[in-house]
C-alpha cells in the first residue's frame, strides 16, 4: 500500500487532484487581493501578487507533468 501512495503523485489522478487543490488556492488569493484593494493595503496586495505568481508557476508545472504522462485528453493537445 505504501508503494501505491508513493506513486499516486505521479499518476494522472494525482496530477488532477493537485490541479484542483491549486485552483482552490487561487480562489483564496483572489479574495485576498480584493480585500487588499478595498483596504488600500499595499503589503497585502504585494503578497497576493507573489502568491498568484507561485500558483501560476505551480499550474504550469502540473500542466507539463500531465503532458508527460501522455494524457489523451483533447484539451491538452
PDB file of N, CA and C in Angstrom:
ATOM      1  N   UNK A   1       0.820  -1.186   0.000  1.00  0.00           N
ATOM      2  CA  UNK A   1       0.000   0.000   0.000  1.00  0.00           C
ATOM      3  C   UNK A   1       0.870   1.259   0.000  1.00  0.00           C
ATOM      4  N   UNK A   2       2.010   1.220   0.638  1.00  0.00           N
ATOM      5  CA  UNK A   2       2.888   2.377   0.666  1.00  0.00           C
ATOM      6  C   UNK A   2       3.360   2.721  -0.736  1.00  0.00           C
ATOM      7  N   UNK A   3       3.616   1.711  -1.539  1.00  0.00           N
ATOM      8  CA  UNK A   3       4.065   1.953  -2.903  1.00  0.00           C
ATOM      9  C   UNK A   3       2.966   2.641  -3.711  1.00  0.00           C
ATOM     10  N   UNK A   4       1.708   2.239  -3.497  1.00  0.00           N
ATOM     11  CA  UNK A   4       0.588   2.891  -4.179  1.00  0.00           C
ATOM     12  C   UNK A   4       0.525   4.364  -3.811  1.00  0.00           C
ATOM     13  N   UNK A   5       0.676   4.657  -2.551  1.00  0.00           N
ATOM     14  CA  UNK A   5       0.611   6.049  -2.097  1.00  0.00           C
ATOM     15  C   UNK A   5       1.772   6.856  -2.665  1.00  0.00           C
ATOM     16  N   UNK A   6       2.948   6.254  -2.799  1.00  0.00           N
ATOM     17  CA  UNK A   6       4.102   6.949  -3.344  1.00  0.00           C
ATOM     18  C   UNK A   6       3.891   7.304  -4.812  1.00  0.00           C
ATOM     19  N   UNK A   7       3.319   6.391  -5.567  1.00  0.00           N
ATOM     20  CA  UNK A   7       3.140   6.606  -6.998  1.00  0.00           C
ATOM     21  C   UNK A   7       1.896   7.402  -7.337  1.00  0.00           C
ATOM     22  N   UNK A   8       1.067   7.696  -6.343  1.00  0.00           N
ATOM     23  CA  UNK A   8      -0.163   8.446  -6.604  1.00  0.00           C
ATOM     24  C   UNK A   8       0.142   9.830  -7.156  1.00  0.00           C
ATOM     25  N   UNK A   9       1.191  10.465  -6.633  1.00  0.00           N
ATOM     26  CA  UNK A   9       1.530  11.810  -7.056  1.00  0.00           C
ATOM     27  C   UNK A   9       1.923  11.851  -8.532  1.00  0.00           C
ATOM     28  N   UNK A  10       2.475  10.779  -9.042  1.00  0.00           N
ATOM     29  CA  UNK A  10       2.904  10.738 -10.437  1.00  0.00           C
ATOM     30  C   UNK A  10       1.828  10.185 -11.361  1.00  0.00           C
ATOM     31  N   UNK A  11       0.677   9.854 -10.833  1.00  0.00           N
ATOM     32  CA  UNK A  11      -0.406   9.325 -11.660  1.00  0.00           C
ATOM     33  C   UNK A  11      -1.254  10.463 -12.202  1.00  0.00           C
ATOM     34  N   UNK A  12      -2.068  10.158 -13.197  1.00  0.00           N
ATOM     35  CA  UNK A  12      -2.966  11.177 -13.761  1.00  0.00           C
ATOM     36  C   UNK A  12      -3.925  11.693 -12.704  1.00  0.00           C
ATOM     37  N   UNK A  13      -4.443  10.778 -11.914  1.00  0.00           N
ATOM     38  CA  UNK A  13      -5.377  11.170 -10.864  1.00  0.00           C
ATOM     39  C   UNK A  13      -4.709  12.098  -9.863  1.00  0.00           C
ATOM     40  N   UNK A  14      -3.478  11.782  -9.496  1.00  0.00           N
ATOM     41  CA  UNK A  14      -2.737  12.624  -8.561  1.00  0.00           C
ATOM     42  C   UNK A  14      -2.503  14.023  -9.101  1.00  0.00           C
ATOM     43  N   UNK A  15      -2.198  14.103 -10.398  1.00  0.00           N
ATOM     44  CA  UNK A  15      -1.978  15.408 -11.015  1.00  0.00           C
ATOM     45  C   UNK A  15      -3.279  16.197 -11.056  1.00  0.00           C
ATOM     46  N   UNK A  16      -4.386  15.516 -11.374  1.00  0.00           N
ATOM     47  CA  UNK A  16      -5.680  16.198 -11.385  1.00  0.00           C
ATOM     48  C   UNK A  16      -6.056  16.698  -9.989  1.00  0.00           C
ATOM     49  N   UNK A  17      -5.778  15.917  -8.972  1.00  0.00           N
ATOM     50  CA  UNK A  17      -6.061  16.350  -7.597  1.00  0.00           C
ATOM     51  C   UNK A  17      -5.206  17.565  -7.251  1.00  0.00           C
ATOM     52  N   UNK A  18      -3.951  17.540  -7.662  1.00  0.00           N
ATOM     53  CA  UNK A  18      -3.066  18.680  -7.417  1.00  0.00           C
ATOM     54  C   UNK A  18      -3.549  19.923  -8.150  1.00  0.00           C
ATOM     55  N   UNK A  19      -4.007  19.749  -9.381  1.00  0.00           N
ATOM     56  CA  UNK A  19      -4.550  20.879 -10.142  1.00  0.00           C
ATOM     57  C   UNK A  19      -5.753  21.480  -9.422  1.00  0.00           C
ATOM     58  N   UNK A  20      -6.631  20.621  -8.929  1.00  0.00           N
ATOM     59  CA  UNK A  20      -7.818  21.085  -8.225  1.00  0.00           C
ATOM     60  C   UNK A  20      -7.481  21.836  -6.948  1.00  0.00           C
ATOM     61  N   UNK A  21      -6.552  21.302  -6.184  1.00  0.00           N
ATOM     62  CA  UNK A  21      -6.195  21.975  -4.935  1.00  0.00           C
ATOM     63  C   UNK A  21      -5.469  23.293  -5.207  1.00  0.00           C
ATOM     64  N   UNK A  22      -4.689  23.343  -6.266  1.00  0.00           N
ATOM     65  CA  UNK A  22      -4.025  24.599  -6.623  1.00  0.00           C
ATOM     66  C   UNK A  22      -5.050  25.631  -7.077  1.00  0.00           C
ATOM     67  N   UNK A  23      -6.054  25.194  -7.811  1.00  0.00           N
ATOM     68  CA  UNK A  23      -7.119  26.103  -8.245  1.00  0.00           C
ATOM     69  C   UNK A  23      -7.888  26.645  -7.037  1.00  0.00           C
ATOM     70  N   UNK A  24      -8.098  25.819  -6.038  1.00  0.00           N
ATOM     71  CA  UNK A  24      -8.768  26.289  -4.820  1.00  0.00           C
ATOM     72  C   UNK A  24      -7.907  27.329  -4.108  1.00  0.00           C
ATOM     73  N   UNK A  25      -6.601  27.146  -4.143  1.00  0.00           N
ATOM     74  CA  UNK A  25      -5.695  28.142  -3.569  1.00  0.00           C
ATOM     75  C   UNK A  25      -5.783  29.460  -4.317  1.00  0.00           C
ATOM     76  N   UNK A  26      -6.021  29.379  -5.617  1.00  0.00           N
ATOM     77  CA  UNK A  26      -6.158  30.593  -6.430  1.00  0.00           C
ATOM     78  C   UNK A  26      -7.374  31.406  -5.980  1.00  0.00           C
ATOM     79  N   UNK A  27      -8.437  30.727  -5.613  1.00  0.00           N
ATOM     80  CA  UNK A  27      -9.624  31.435  -5.118  1.00  0.00           C
ATOM     81  C   UNK A  27      -9.306  32.221  -3.848  1.00  0.00           C
ATOM     82  N   UNK A  28      -8.506  31.645  -2.989  1.00  0.00           N
ATOM     83  CA  UNK A  28      -8.104  32.322  -1.762  1.00  0.00           C
ATOM     84  C   UNK A  28      -7.266  33.567  -2.067  1.00  0.00           C
ATOM     85  N   UNK A  29      -6.394  33.455  -3.052  1.00  0.00           N
ATOM     86  CA  UNK A  29      -5.551  34.595  -3.427  1.00  0.00           C
ATOM     87  C   UNK A  29      -6.403  35.710  -4.027  1.00  0.00           C
ATOM     88  N   UNK A  30      -7.408  35.350  -4.802  1.00  0.00           N
ATOM     89  CA  UNK A  30      -8.302  36.351  -5.385  1.00  0.00           C
ATOM     90  C   UNK A  30      -9.040  37.107  -4.281  1.00  0.00           C
ATOM     91  N   UNK A  31      -9.535  36.382  -3.287  1.00  0.00           N
ATOM     92  CA  UNK A  31     -10.212  37.029  -2.154  1.00  0.00           C
ATOM     93  C   UNK A  31      -9.258  37.956  -1.410  1.00  0.00           C
ATOM     94  N   UNK A  32      -8.027  37.492  -1.221  1.00  0.00           N
ATOM     95  CA  UNK A  32      -7.024  38.294  -0.525  1.00  0.00           C
ATOM     96  C   UNK A  32      -6.735  39.583  -1.295  1.00  0.00           C
ATOM     97  N   UNK A  33      -6.632  39.491  -2.617  1.00  0.00           N
ATOM     98  CA  UNK A  33      -6.351  40.670  -3.438  1.00  0.00           C
ATOM     99  C   UNK A  33      -7.515  41.662  -3.385  1.00  0.00           C
ATOM    100  N   UNK A  34      -8.747  41.164  -3.440  1.00  0.00           N
ATOM    101  CA  UNK A  34      -9.914  42.050  -3.362  1.00  0.00           C
ATOM    102  C   UNK A  34      -9.949  42.801  -2.034  1.00  0.00           C
ATOM    103  N   UNK A  35      -9.694  42.068  -0.952  1.00  0.00           N
ATOM    104  CA  UNK A  35      -9.692  42.685   0.368  1.00  0.00           C
ATOM    105  C   UNK A  35      -8.580  43.727   0.471  1.00  0.00           C
ATOM    106  N   UNK A  36      -7.418  43.423  -0.072  1.00  0.00           N
ATOM    107  CA  UNK A  36      -6.294  44.358  -0.020  1.00  0.00           C
ATOM    108  C   UNK A  36      -6.603  45.628  -0.806  1.00  0.00           C
ATOM    109  N   UNK A  37      -7.284  45.475  -1.931  1.00  0.00           N
ATOM    110  CA  UNK A  37      -7.656  46.665  -2.721  1.00  0.00           C
ATOM    111  C   UNK A  37      -8.668  47.529  -1.968  1.00  0.00           C
ATOM    112  N   UNK A  38      -9.637  46.883  -1.329  1.00  0.00           N
ATOM    113  CA  UNK A  38     -10.656  47.637  -0.588  1.00  0.00           C
ATOM    114  C   UNK A  38     -10.036  48.422   0.562  1.00  0.00           C
ATOM    115  N   UNK A  39      -9.055  47.813   1.209  1.00  0.00           N
ATOM    116  CA  UNK A  39      -8.435  48.448   2.374  1.00  0.00           C
ATOM    117  C   UNK A  39      -7.210  49.286   2.000  1.00  0.00           C
ATOM    118  N   UNK A  40      -6.879  49.342   0.710  1.00  0.00           N
ATOM    119  CA  UNK A  40      -5.681  50.048   0.237  1.00  0.00           C
ATOM    120  C   UNK A  40      -4.423  49.582   0.967  1.00  0.00           C
ATOM    121  N   UNK A  41      -4.332  48.287   1.177  1.00  0.00           N
ATOM    122  CA  UNK A  41      -3.192  47.688   1.879  1.00  0.00           C
ATOM    123  C   UNK A  41      -2.187  47.189   0.837  1.00  0.00           C
ATOM    124  N   UNK A  42      -1.143  47.970   0.622  1.00  0.00           N
ATOM    125  CA  UNK A  42      -0.163  47.663  -0.411  1.00  0.00           C
ATOM    126  C   UNK A  42       0.597  46.382  -0.104  1.00  0.00           C
ATOM    127  N   UNK A  43       0.938  46.182   1.156  1.00  0.00           N
ATOM    128  CA  UNK A  43       1.712  44.993   1.527  1.00  0.00           C
ATOM    129  C   UNK A  43       0.919  43.708   1.248  1.00  0.00           C
ATOM    130  N   UNK A  44      -0.360  43.703   1.598  1.00  0.00           N
ATOM    131  CA  UNK A  44      -1.198  42.529   1.310  1.00  0.00           C
ATOM    132  C   UNK A  44      -1.387  42.331  -0.191  1.00  0.00           C
ATOM    133  N   UNK A  45      -1.452  43.427  -0.929  1.00  0.00           N
ATOM    134  CA  UNK A  45      -1.591  43.336  -2.375  1.00  0.00           C
ATOM    135  C   UNK A  45      -0.334  42.739  -3.008  1.00  0.00           C
ATOM    136  N   UNK A  46       0.825  43.127  -2.507  1.00  0.00           N
ATOM    137  CA  UNK A  46       2.081  42.546  -2.988  1.00  0.00           C
ATOM    138  C   UNK A  46       2.131  41.060  -2.649  1.00  0.00           C
ATOM    139  N   UNK A  47       1.702  40.716  -1.437  1.00  0.00           N
ATOM    140  CA  UNK A  47       1.667  39.311  -1.030  1.00  0.00           C
ATOM    141  C   UNK A  47       0.749  38.503  -1.939  1.00  0.00           C
ATOM    142  N   UNK A  48      -0.404  39.067  -2.276  1.00  0.00           N
ATOM    143  CA  UNK A  48      -1.336  38.379  -3.171  1.00  0.00           C
ATOM    144  C   UNK A  48      -0.733  38.203  -4.559  1.00  0.00           C
ATOM    145  N   UNK A  49      -0.013  39.207  -5.036  1.00  0.00           N
ATOM    146  CA  UNK A  49       0.611  39.117  -6.358  1.00  0.00           C
ATOM    147  C   UNK A  49       1.690  38.039  -6.387  1.00  0.00           C
ATOM    148  N   UNK A  50       2.477  37.967  -5.333  1.00  0.00           N
ATOM    149  CA  UNK A  50       3.524  36.941  -5.260  1.00  0.00           C
ATOM    150  C   UNK A  50       2.899  35.554  -5.157  1.00  0.00           C
ATOM    151  N   UNK A  51       1.843  35.445  -4.368  1.00  0.00           N
ATOM    152  CA  UNK A  51       1.142  34.155  -4.253  1.00  0.00           C
ATOM    153  C   UNK A  51       0.533  33.744  -5.589  1.00  0.00           C
ATOM    154  N   UNK A  52      -0.004  34.713  -6.328  1.00  0.00           N
ATOM    155  CA  UNK A  52      -0.583  34.414  -7.641  1.00  0.00           C
ATOM    156  C   UNK A  52       0.488  33.927  -8.602  1.00  0.00           C
ATOM    157  N   UNK A  53       1.678  34.522  -8.529  1.00  0.00           N
ATOM    158  CA  UNK A  53       2.784  34.076  -9.382  1.00  0.00           C
ATOM    159  C   UNK A  53       3.200  32.650  -9.026  1.00  0.00           C
ATOM    160  N   UNK A  54       3.205  32.339  -7.744  1.00  0.00           N
ATOM    161  CA  UNK A  54       3.555  30.975  -7.317  1.00  0.00           C
ATOM    162  C   UNK A  54       2.509  29.970  -7.791  1.00  0.00           C
ATOM    163  N   UNK A  55       1.253  30.348  -7.740  1.00  0.00           N
ATOM    164  CA  UNK A  55       0.186  29.463  -8.200  1.00  0.00           C
ATOM    165  C   UNK A  55       0.278  29.260  -9.708  1.00  0.00           C
ATOM    166  N   UNK A  56       0.559  30.327 -10.438  1.00  0.00           N
ATOM    167  CA  UNK A  56       0.688  30.205 -11.894  1.00  0.00           C
ATOM    168  C   UNK A  56       1.845  29.284 -12.257  1.00  0.00           C
ATOM    169  N   UNK A  57       2.945  29.404 -11.539  1.00  0.00           N
ATOM    170  CA  UNK A  57       4.093  28.524 -11.777  1.00  0.00           C
ATOM    171  C   UNK A  57       3.726  27.077 -11.446  1.00  0.00           C
ATOM    172  N   UNK A  58       3.042  26.881 -10.341  1.00  0.00           N
ATOM    173  CA  UNK A  58       2.625  25.524  -9.964  1.00  0.00           C
ATOM    174  C   UNK A  58       1.695  24.910 -10.989  1.00  0.00           C
ATOM    175  N   UNK A  59       0.765  25.693 -11.506  1.00  0.00           N
ATOM    176  CA  UNK A  59      -0.140  25.180 -12.538  1.00  0.00           C
ATOM    177  C   UNK A  59       0.616  24.826 -13.810  1.00  0.00           C
ATOM    178  N   UNK A  60       1.610  25.633 -14.162  1.00  0.00           N
ATOM    179  CA  UNK A  60       2.405  25.343 -15.356  1.00  0.00           C
ATOM    180  C   UNK A  60       3.189  24.044 -15.189  1.00  0.00           C
ATOM    181  N   UNK A  61       3.724  23.824 -14.010  1.00  0.00           N
ATOM    182  CA  UNK A  61       4.466  22.585 -13.738  1.00  0.00           C
ATOM    183  C   UNK A  61       3.527  21.386 -13.797  1.00  0.00           C
ATOM    184  N   UNK A  62       2.335  21.518 -13.213  1.00  0.00           N
ATOM    185  CA  UNK A  62       1.378  20.414 -13.241  1.00  0.00           C
ATOM    186  C   UNK A  62       0.899  20.139 -14.668  1.00  0.00           C
ATOM    187  N   UNK A  63       0.715  21.183 -15.459  1.00  0.00           N
ATOM    188  CA  UNK A  63       0.325  21.004 -16.864  1.00  0.00           C
ATOM    189  C   UNK A  63       1.419  20.247 -17.616  1.00  0.00           C
ATOM    190  N   UNK A  64       2.654  20.613 -17.371  1.00  0.00           N
ATOM    191  CA  UNK A  64       3.774  19.917 -18.017  1.00  0.00           C
ATOM    192  C   UNK A  64       3.806  18.443 -17.604  1.00  0.00           C
ATOM    193  N   UNK A  65       3.540  18.182 -16.341  1.00  0.00           N
ATOM    194  CA  UNK A  65       3.515  16.795 -15.856  1.00  0.00           C
ATOM    195  C   UNK A  65       2.406  15.998 -16.537  1.00  0.00           C
ATOM    196  N   UNK A  66       1.253  16.639 -16.721  1.00  0.00           N
ATOM    197  CA  UNK A  66       0.154  15.977 -17.430  1.00  0.00           C
ATOM    198  C   UNK A  66       0.554  15.634 -18.860  1.00  0.00           C
ATOM    199  N   UNK A  67       1.244  16.546 -19.516  1.00  0.00           N
ATOM    200  CA  UNK A  67       1.708  16.298 -20.884  1.00  0.00           C
ATOM    201  C   UNK A  67       2.684  15.125 -20.913  1.00  0.00           C
ATOM    202  N   UNK A  68       3.531  15.032 -19.911  1.00  0.00           N
ATOM    203  CA  UNK A  68       4.497  13.925 -19.833  1.00  0.00           C
ATOM    204  C   UNK A  68       3.814  12.582 -19.639  1.00  0.00           C
ATOM    205  N   UNK A  69       2.721  12.596 -18.920  1.00  0.00           N
ATOM    206  CA  UNK A  69       2.021  11.337 -18.664  1.00  0.00           C
ATOM    207  C   UNK A  69       1.306  10.832 -19.912  1.00  0.00           C
ATOM    208  N   UNK A  70       1.279  11.647 -20.955  1.00  0.00           N
ATOM    209  CA  UNK A  70       0.668  11.207 -22.212  1.00  0.00           C
ATOM    210  C   UNK A  70      -0.833  11.132 -22.126  1.00  0.00           C
ATOM    211  N   UNK A  71      -1.429  12.089 -21.466  1.00  0.00           N
ATOM    212  CA  UNK A  71      -2.878  12.118 -21.324  1.00  0.00           C
ATOM    213  C   UNK A  71      -3.524  12.253 -22.708  1.00  0.00           C
ATOM    214  N   UNK A  72      -4.581  11.498 -22.931  1.00  0.00           N
ATOM    215  CA  UNK A  72      -5.274  11.519 -24.224  1.00  0.00           C
ATOM    216  C   UNK A  72      -6.379  12.570 -24.265  1.00  0.00           C
ATOM    217  N   UNK A  73      -6.387  13.452 -23.301  1.00  0.00           N
ATOM    218  CA  UNK A  73      -7.430  14.483 -23.258  1.00  0.00           C
ATOM    219  C   UNK A  73      -7.330  15.399 -24.466  1.00  0.00           C
ATOM    220  N   UNK A  74      -8.448  15.695 -25.087  1.00  0.00           N
ATOM    221  CA  UNK A  74      -8.478  16.521 -26.287  1.00  0.00           C
ATOM    222  C   UNK A  74      -8.025  17.947 -25.984  1.00  0.00           C
ATOM    223  N   UNK A  75      -8.327  18.434 -24.773  1.00  0.00           N
ATOM    224  CA  UNK A  75      -7.993  19.808 -24.430  1.00  0.00           C
ATOM    225  C   UNK A  75      -6.483  20.029 -24.286  1.00  0.00           C
ATOM    226  N   UNK A  76      -5.742  18.986 -24.002  1.00  0.00           N
ATOM    227  CA  UNK A  76      -4.304  19.134 -23.820  1.00  0.00           C
ATOM    228  C   UNK A  76      -3.523  19.100 -25.121  1.00  0.00           C
ATOM    229  N   UNK A  77      -4.128  18.711 -26.181  1.00  0.00           N
ATOM    230  CA  UNK A  77      -3.477  18.730 -27.495  1.00  0.00           C
ATOM    231  C   UNK A  77      -2.607  17.627 -27.798  1.00  0.00           C
TER     232      UNK A  77
END
